[in-house]
Amino acid sequence: MLDEEIQRHGTAVLEDKFLLLAVLHALQVASQALIDLAAHIASEAGAAVPSSYSEILRSSSGRAA
């Protein structure tokens, strides 16, 4: 996502604090949505309660994160 913005706006995205923070926030929200979805999948599958975010992703994908 950040790479796309850099390609579209050049390195100006790195100099524009507002745009940079907006892109980083969108990335954070997307990452949290992935974690939430994986947690729901793991829960529906009856997986054990994970102790970390990487365990959530491992348990829902069936391979190491």
PDB file of N, CA and C in Angstrom:
ATOM      1  N   MET A   1       0.820  -1.179   0.000  1.00  0.00           N
ATOM      2  CA  MET A   1       0.000   0.000   0.000  1.00  0.00           C
ATOM      3  C   MET A   1       0.877   1.261   0.000  1.00  0.00           C
ATOM      4  N   LEU A   2       1.869   1.304   0.870  1.00  0.00           N
ATOM      5  CA  LEU A   2       2.771   2.446   0.894  1.00  0.00           C
ATOM      6  C   LEU A   2       3.544   2.538  -0.412  1.00  0.00           C
ATOM      7  N   ASP A   3       3.951   1.386  -0.944  1.00  0.00           N
ATOM      8  CA  ASP A   3       4.661   1.379  -2.225  1.00  0.00           C
ATOM      9  C   ASP A   3       3.812   1.973  -3.333  1.00  0.00           C
ATOM     10  N   GLU A   4       2.503   1.647  -3.347  1.00  0.00           N
ATOM     11  CA  GLU A   4       1.600   2.192  -4.372  1.00  0.00           C
ATOM     12  C   GLU A   4       1.519   3.713  -4.274  1.00  0.00           C
ATOM     13  N   GLU A   5       1.405   4.224  -3.056  1.00  0.00           N
ATOM     14  CA  GLU A   5       1.327   5.671  -2.871  1.00  0.00           C
ATOM     15  C   GLU A   5       2.635   6.342  -3.275  1.00  0.00           C
ATOM     16  N   ILE A   6       3.762   5.707  -2.982  1.00  0.00           N
ATOM     17  CA  ILE A   6       5.050   6.274  -3.371  1.00  0.00           C
ATOM     18  C   ILE A   6       5.164   6.302  -4.889  1.00  0.00           C
ATOM     19  N   GLN A   7       4.689   5.239  -5.562  1.00  0.00           N
ATOM     20  CA  GLN A   7       4.726   5.224  -7.023  1.00  0.00           C
ATOM     21  C   GLN A   7       3.821   6.304  -7.608  1.00  0.00           C
ATOM     22  N   ARG A   8       2.664   6.518  -6.976  1.00  0.00           N
ATOM     23  CA  ARG A   8       1.710   7.495  -7.487  1.00  0.00           C
ATOM     24  C   ARG A   8       2.145   8.932  -7.194  1.00  0.00           C
ATOM     25  N   HIS A   9       2.678   9.169  -6.005  1.00  0.00           N
ATOM     26  CA  HIS A   9       3.018  10.527  -5.598  1.00  0.00           C
ATOM     27  C   HIS A   9       4.512  10.774  -5.521  1.00  0.00           C
ATOM     28  N   GLY A  10       5.330   9.782  -5.820  1.00  0.00           N
ATOM     29  CA  GLY A  10       6.775   9.926  -5.666  1.00  0.00           C
ATOM     30  C   GLY A  10       7.136   9.934  -4.196  1.00  0.00           C
ATOM     31  N   THR A  11       8.296  10.397  -3.886  1.00  0.00           N
ATOM     32  CA  THR A  11       8.720  10.407  -2.480  1.00  0.00           C
ATOM     33  C   THR A  11       8.018  11.500  -1.685  1.00  0.00           C
ATOM     34  N   ALA A  12       7.161  12.285  -2.329  1.00  0.00           N
ATOM     35  CA  ALA A  12       6.416  13.329  -1.622  1.00  0.00           C
ATOM     36  C   ALA A  12       5.564  12.730  -0.511  1.00  0.00           C
ATOM     37  N   VAL A  13       5.132  11.481  -0.694  1.00  0.00           N
ATOM     38  CA  VAL A  13       4.327  10.834   0.346  1.00  0.00           C
ATOM     39  C   VAL A  13       5.130  10.699   1.641  1.00  0.00           C
ATOM     40  N   LEU A  14       6.423  10.542   1.530  1.00  0.00           N
ATOM     41  CA  LEU A  14       7.265  10.429   2.720  1.00  0.00           C
ATOM     42  C   LEU A  14       7.473  11.787   3.386  1.00  0.00           C
ATOM     43  N   GLU A  15       7.364  12.852   2.604  1.00  0.00           N
ATOM     44  CA  GLU A  15       7.555  14.196   3.133  1.00  0.00           C
ATOM     45  C   GLU A  15       6.254  14.795   3.659  1.00  0.00           C
ATOM     46  N   ASP A  16       5.120  14.333   3.156  1.00  0.00           N
ATOM     47  CA  ASP A  16       3.807  14.827   3.590  1.00  0.00           C
ATOM     48  C   ASP A  16       3.367  13.992   4.793  1.00  0.00           C
ATOM     49  N   LYS A  17       3.560  14.533   5.988  1.00  0.00           N
ATOM     50  CA  LYS A  17       3.275  13.778   7.220  1.00  0.00           C
ATOM     51  C   LYS A  17       1.827  13.304   7.272  1.00  0.00           C
ATOM     52  N   PHE A  18       0.891  14.155   6.843  1.00  0.00           N
ATOM     53  CA  PHE A  18      -0.521  13.784   6.894  1.00  0.00           C
ATOM     54  C   PHE A  18      -0.808  12.595   5.982  1.00  0.00           C
ATOM     55  N   LEU A  19      -0.317  12.642   4.754  1.00  0.00           N
ATOM     56  CA  LEU A  19      -0.526  11.542   3.807  1.00  0.00           C
ATOM     57  C   LEU A  19       0.166  10.274   4.289  1.00  0.00           C
ATOM     58  N   LEU A  20       1.373  10.406   4.801  1.00  0.00           N
ATOM     59  CA  LEU A  20       2.103   9.245   5.304  1.00  0.00           C
ATOM     60  C   LEU A  20       1.349   8.585   6.457  1.00  0.00           C
ATOM     61  N   LEU A  21       0.871   9.405   7.404  1.00  0.00           N
ATOM     62  CA  LEU A  21       0.123   8.852   8.533  1.00  0.00           C
ATOM     63  C   LEU A  21      -1.193   8.229   8.084  1.00  0.00           C
ATOM     64  N   ALA A  22      -1.831   8.798   7.065  1.00  0.00           N
ATOM     65  CA  ALA A  22      -3.068   8.226   6.541  1.00  0.00           C
ATOM     66  C   ALA A  22      -2.815   6.856   5.921  1.00  0.00           C
ATOM     67  N   VAL A  23      -1.752   6.737   5.164  1.00  0.00           N
ATOM     68  CA  VAL A  23      -1.405   5.449   4.544  1.00  0.00           C
ATOM     69  C   VAL A  23      -1.044   4.429   5.613  1.00  0.00           C
ATOM     70  N   LEU A  24      -0.260   4.835   6.592  1.00  0.00           N
ATOM     71  CA  LEU A  24       0.130   3.918   7.662  1.00  0.00           C
ATOM     72  C   LEU A  24      -1.082   3.493   8.495  1.00  0.00           C
ATOM     73  N   HIS A  25      -2.016   4.414   8.724  1.00  0.00           N
ATOM     74  CA  HIS A  25      -3.228   4.073   9.463  1.00  0.00           C
ATOM     75  C   HIS A  25      -4.064   3.056   8.678  1.00  0.00           C
ATOM     76  N   ALA A  26      -4.199   3.258   7.379  1.00  0.00           N
ATOM     77  CA  ALA A  26      -4.944   2.308   6.552  1.00  0.00           C
ATOM     78  C   ALA A  26      -4.299   0.927   6.598  1.00  0.00           C
ATOM     79  N   LEU A  27      -2.984   0.887   6.593  1.00  0.00           N
ATOM     80  CA  LEU A  27      -2.261  -0.377   6.689  1.00  0.00           C
ATOM     81  C   LEU A  27      -2.504  -1.043   8.046  1.00  0.00           C
ATOM     82  N   GLN A  28      -2.511  -0.251   9.112  1.00  0.00           N
ATOM     83  CA  GLN A  28      -2.758  -0.790  10.446  1.00  0.00           C
ATOM     84  C   GLN A  28      -4.176  -1.342  10.554  1.00  0.00           C
ATOM     85  N   VAL A  29      -5.154  -0.621  10.022  1.00  0.00           N
ATOM     86  CA  VAL A  29      -6.541  -1.079  10.066  1.00  0.00           C
ATOM     87  C   VAL A  29      -6.698  -2.372   9.271  1.00  0.00           C
ATOM     88  N   ALA A  30      -6.067  -2.449   8.097  1.00  0.00           N
ATOM     89  CA  ALA A  30      -6.143  -3.666   7.287  1.00  0.00           C
ATOM     90  C   ALA A  30      -5.490  -4.846   8.007  1.00  0.00           C
ATOM     91  N   SER A  31      -4.369  -4.598   8.668  1.00  0.00           N
ATOM     92  CA  SER A  31      -3.691  -5.662   9.421  1.00  0.00           C
ATOM     93  C   SER A  31      -4.560  -6.163  10.566  1.00  0.00           C
ATOM     94  N   GLN A  32      -5.205  -5.228  11.276  1.00  0.00           N
ATOM     95  CA  GLN A  32      -6.070  -5.625  12.383  1.00  0.00           C
ATOM     96  C   GLN A  32      -7.271  -6.409  11.875  1.00  0.00           C
ATOM     97  N   ALA A  33      -7.806  -6.020  10.719  1.00  0.00           N
ATOM     98  CA  ALA A  33      -8.928  -6.756  10.134  1.00  0.00           C
ATOM     99  C   ALA A  33      -8.507  -8.184   9.789  1.00  0.00           C
ATOM    100  N   LEU A  34      -7.290  -8.364   9.274  1.00  0.00           N
ATOM    101  CA  LEU A  34      -6.779  -9.697   8.970  1.00  0.00           C
ATOM    102  C   LEU A  34      -6.672 -10.532  10.239  1.00  0.00           C
ATOM    103  N   ILE A  35      -6.148  -9.935  11.297  1.00  0.00           N
ATOM    104  CA  ILE A  35      -6.012 -10.647  12.572  1.00  0.00           C
ATOM    105  C   ILE A  35      -7.389 -11.029  13.115  1.00  0.00           C
ATOM    106  N   ASP A  36      -8.338 -10.081  13.066  1.00  0.00           N
ATOM    107  CA  ASP A  36      -9.692 -10.360  13.553  1.00  0.00           C
ATOM    108  C   ASP A  36     -10.345 -11.495  12.771  1.00  0.00           C
ATOM    109  N   LEU A  37     -10.214 -11.449  11.447  1.00  0.00           N
ATOM    110  CA  LEU A  37     -10.792 -12.496  10.606  1.00  0.00           C
ATOM    111  C   LEU A  37     -10.154 -13.850  10.911  1.00  0.00           C
ATOM    112  N   ALA A  38      -8.838 -13.875  11.050  1.00  0.00           N
ATOM    113  CA  ALA A  38      -8.143 -15.122  11.361  1.00  0.00           C
ATOM    114  C   ALA A  38      -8.575 -15.659  12.726  1.00  0.00           C
ATOM    115  N   ALA A  39      -8.796 -14.765  13.692  1.00  0.00           N
ATOM    116  CA  ALA A  39      -9.243 -15.193  15.021  1.00  0.00           C
ATOM    117  C   ALA A  39     -10.630 -15.823  14.944  1.00  0.00           C
ATOM    118  N   HIS A  40     -11.510 -15.237  14.136  1.00  0.00           N
ATOM    119  CA  HIS A  40     -12.845 -15.809  13.965  1.00  0.00           C
ATOM    120  C   HIS A  40     -12.779 -17.180  13.304  1.00  0.00           C
ATOM    121  N   ILE A  41     -11.934 -17.309  12.295  1.00  0.00           N
ATOM    122  CA  ILE A  41     -11.768 -18.595  11.607  1.00  0.00           C
ATOM    123  C   ILE A  41     -11.238 -19.647  12.572  1.00  0.00           C
ATOM    124  N   ALA A  42     -10.223 -19.261  13.356  1.00  0.00           N
ATOM    125  CA  ALA A  42      -9.651 -20.202  14.326  1.00  0.00           C
ATOM    126  C   ALA A  42     -10.684 -20.606  15.371  1.00  0.00           C
ATOM    127  N   SER A  43     -11.480 -19.645  15.819  1.00  0.00           N
ATOM    128  CA  SER A  43     -12.511 -19.930  16.814  1.00  0.00           C
ATOM    129  C   SER A  43     -13.564 -20.881  16.260  1.00  0.00           C
ATOM    130  N   GLU A  44     -14.015 -20.634  15.049  1.00  0.00           N
ATOM    131  CA  GLU A  44     -15.007 -21.504  14.411  1.00  0.00           C
ATOM    132  C   GLU A  44     -14.471 -22.914  14.206  1.00  0.00           C
ATOM    133  N   ALA A  45     -13.158 -23.017  13.993  1.00  0.00           N
ATOM    134  CA  ALA A  45     -12.537 -24.323  13.775  1.00  0.00           C
ATOM    135  C   ALA A  45     -12.267 -25.046  15.090  1.00  0.00           C
ATOM    136  N   GLY A  46     -12.518 -24.358  16.214  1.00  0.00           N
ATOM    137  CA  GLY A  46     -12.305 -24.979  17.517  1.00  0.00           C
ATOM    138  C   GLY A  46     -10.861 -24.996  17.966  1.00  0.00           C
ATOM    139  N   ALA A  47     -10.058 -24.093  17.428  1.00  0.00           N
ATOM    140  CA  ALA A  47      -8.642 -24.039  17.806  1.00  0.00           C
ATOM    141  C   ALA A  47      -8.499 -23.539  19.245  1.00  0.00           C
ATOM    142  N   ALA A  48      -7.391 -23.871  19.869  1.00  0.00           N
ATOM    143  CA  ALA A  48      -7.103 -23.420  21.237  1.00  0.00           C
ATOM    144  C   ALA A  48      -6.943 -21.903  21.251  1.00  0.00           C
ATOM    145  N   VAL A  49      -7.146 -21.312  22.415  1.00  0.00           N
ATOM    146  CA  VAL A  49      -7.003 -19.858  22.551  1.00  0.00           C
ATOM    147  C   VAL A  49      -5.540 -19.486  22.325  1.00  0.00           C
ATOM    148  N   PRO A  50      -5.258 -18.620  21.357  1.00  0.00           N
ATOM    149  CA  PRO A  50      -3.869 -18.260  21.051  1.00  0.00           C
ATOM    150  C   PRO A  50      -3.290 -17.315  22.101  1.00  0.00           C
ATOM    151  N   SER A  51      -1.975 -17.359  22.253  1.00  0.00           N
ATOM    152  CA  SER A  51      -1.316 -16.466  23.207  1.00  0.00           C
ATOM    153  C   SER A  51      -0.648 -15.282  22.501  1.00  0.00           C
ATOM    154  N   SER A  52      -0.679 -15.269  21.165  1.00  0.00           N
ATOM    155  CA  SER A  52      -0.082 -14.157  20.417  1.00  0.00           C
ATOM    156  C   SER A  52      -0.785 -14.018  19.069  1.00  0.00           C
ATOM    157  N   TYR A  53      -0.566 -12.869  18.421  1.00  0.00           N
ATOM    158  CA  TYR A  53      -1.162 -12.652  17.102  1.00  0.00           C
ATOM    159  C   TYR A  53      -0.628 -13.659  16.083  1.00  0.00           C
ATOM    160  N   SER A  54       0.664 -13.990  16.176  1.00  0.00           N
ATOM    161  CA  SER A  54       1.218 -14.936  15.206  1.00  0.00           C
ATOM    162  C   SER A  54       0.600 -16.321  15.360  1.00  0.00           C
ATOM    163  N   GLU A  55       0.226 -16.678  16.593  1.00  0.00           N
ATOM    164  CA  GLU A  55      -0.460 -17.963  16.780  1.00  0.00           C
ATOM    165  C   GLU A  55      -1.829 -17.964  16.120  1.00  0.00           C
ATOM    166  N   ILE A  56      -2.505 -16.829  16.136  1.00  0.00           N
ATOM    167  CA  ILE A  56      -3.806 -16.729  15.461  1.00  0.00           C
ATOM    168  C   ILE A  56      -3.626 -17.020  13.981  1.00  0.00           C
ATOM    169  N   LEU A  57      -2.625 -16.389  13.386  1.00  0.00           N
ATOM    170  CA  LEU A  57      -2.404 -16.590  11.958  1.00  0.00           C
ATOM    171  C   LEU A  57      -1.954 -18.005  11.650  1.00  0.00           C
ATOM    172  N   ARG A  58      -1.119 -18.593  12.516  1.00  0.00           N
ATOM    173  CA  ARG A  58      -0.690 -19.977  12.310  1.00  0.00           C
ATOM    174  C   ARG A  58      -1.868 -20.924  12.393  1.00  0.00           C
ATOM    175  N   SER A  59      -2.726 -20.739  13.392  1.00  0.00           N
ATOM    176  CA  SER A  59      -3.826 -21.678  13.594  1.00  0.00           C
ATOM    177  C   SER A  59      -4.866 -21.583  12.490  1.00  0.00           C
ATOM    178  N   SER A  60      -5.019 -20.411  11.871  1.00  0.00           N
ATOM    179  CA  SER A  60      -6.030 -20.280  10.819  1.00  0.00           C
ATOM    180  C   SER A  60      -5.490 -20.683   9.452  1.00  0.00           C
ATOM    181  N   SER A  61      -4.164 -20.611   9.267  1.00  0.00           N
ATOM    182  CA  SER A  61      -3.613 -20.950   7.955  1.00  0.00           C
ATOM    183  C   SER A  61      -3.047 -22.363   7.910  1.00  0.00           C
ATOM    184  N   GLY A  62      -2.772 -22.926   9.065  1.00  0.00           N
ATOM    185  CA  GLY A  62      -2.223 -24.266   9.104  1.00  0.00           C
ATOM    186  C   GLY A  62      -0.720 -24.314   8.866  1.00  0.00           C
ATOM    187  N   ARG A  63      -0.060 -23.145   8.865  1.00  0.00           N
ATOM    188  CA  ARG A  63       1.391 -23.112   8.698  1.00  0.00           C
ATOM    189  C   ARG A  63       1.978 -21.948   9.493  1.00  0.00           C
ATOM    190  N   ALA A  64       3.268 -21.917   9.626  1.00  0.00           N
ATOM    191  CA  ALA A  64       3.937 -20.894  10.437  1.00  0.00           C
ATOM    192  C   ALA A  64       3.739 -19.517   9.834  1.00  0.00           C
ATOM    193  N   ALA A  65       3.611 -18.520  10.711  1.00  0.00           N
ATOM    194  CA  ALA A  65       3.441 -17.136  10.266  1.00  0.00           C
ATOM    195  C   ALA A  65       4.779 -16.495  10.013  1.00  0.00           C
TER     196      ALA A  65
END
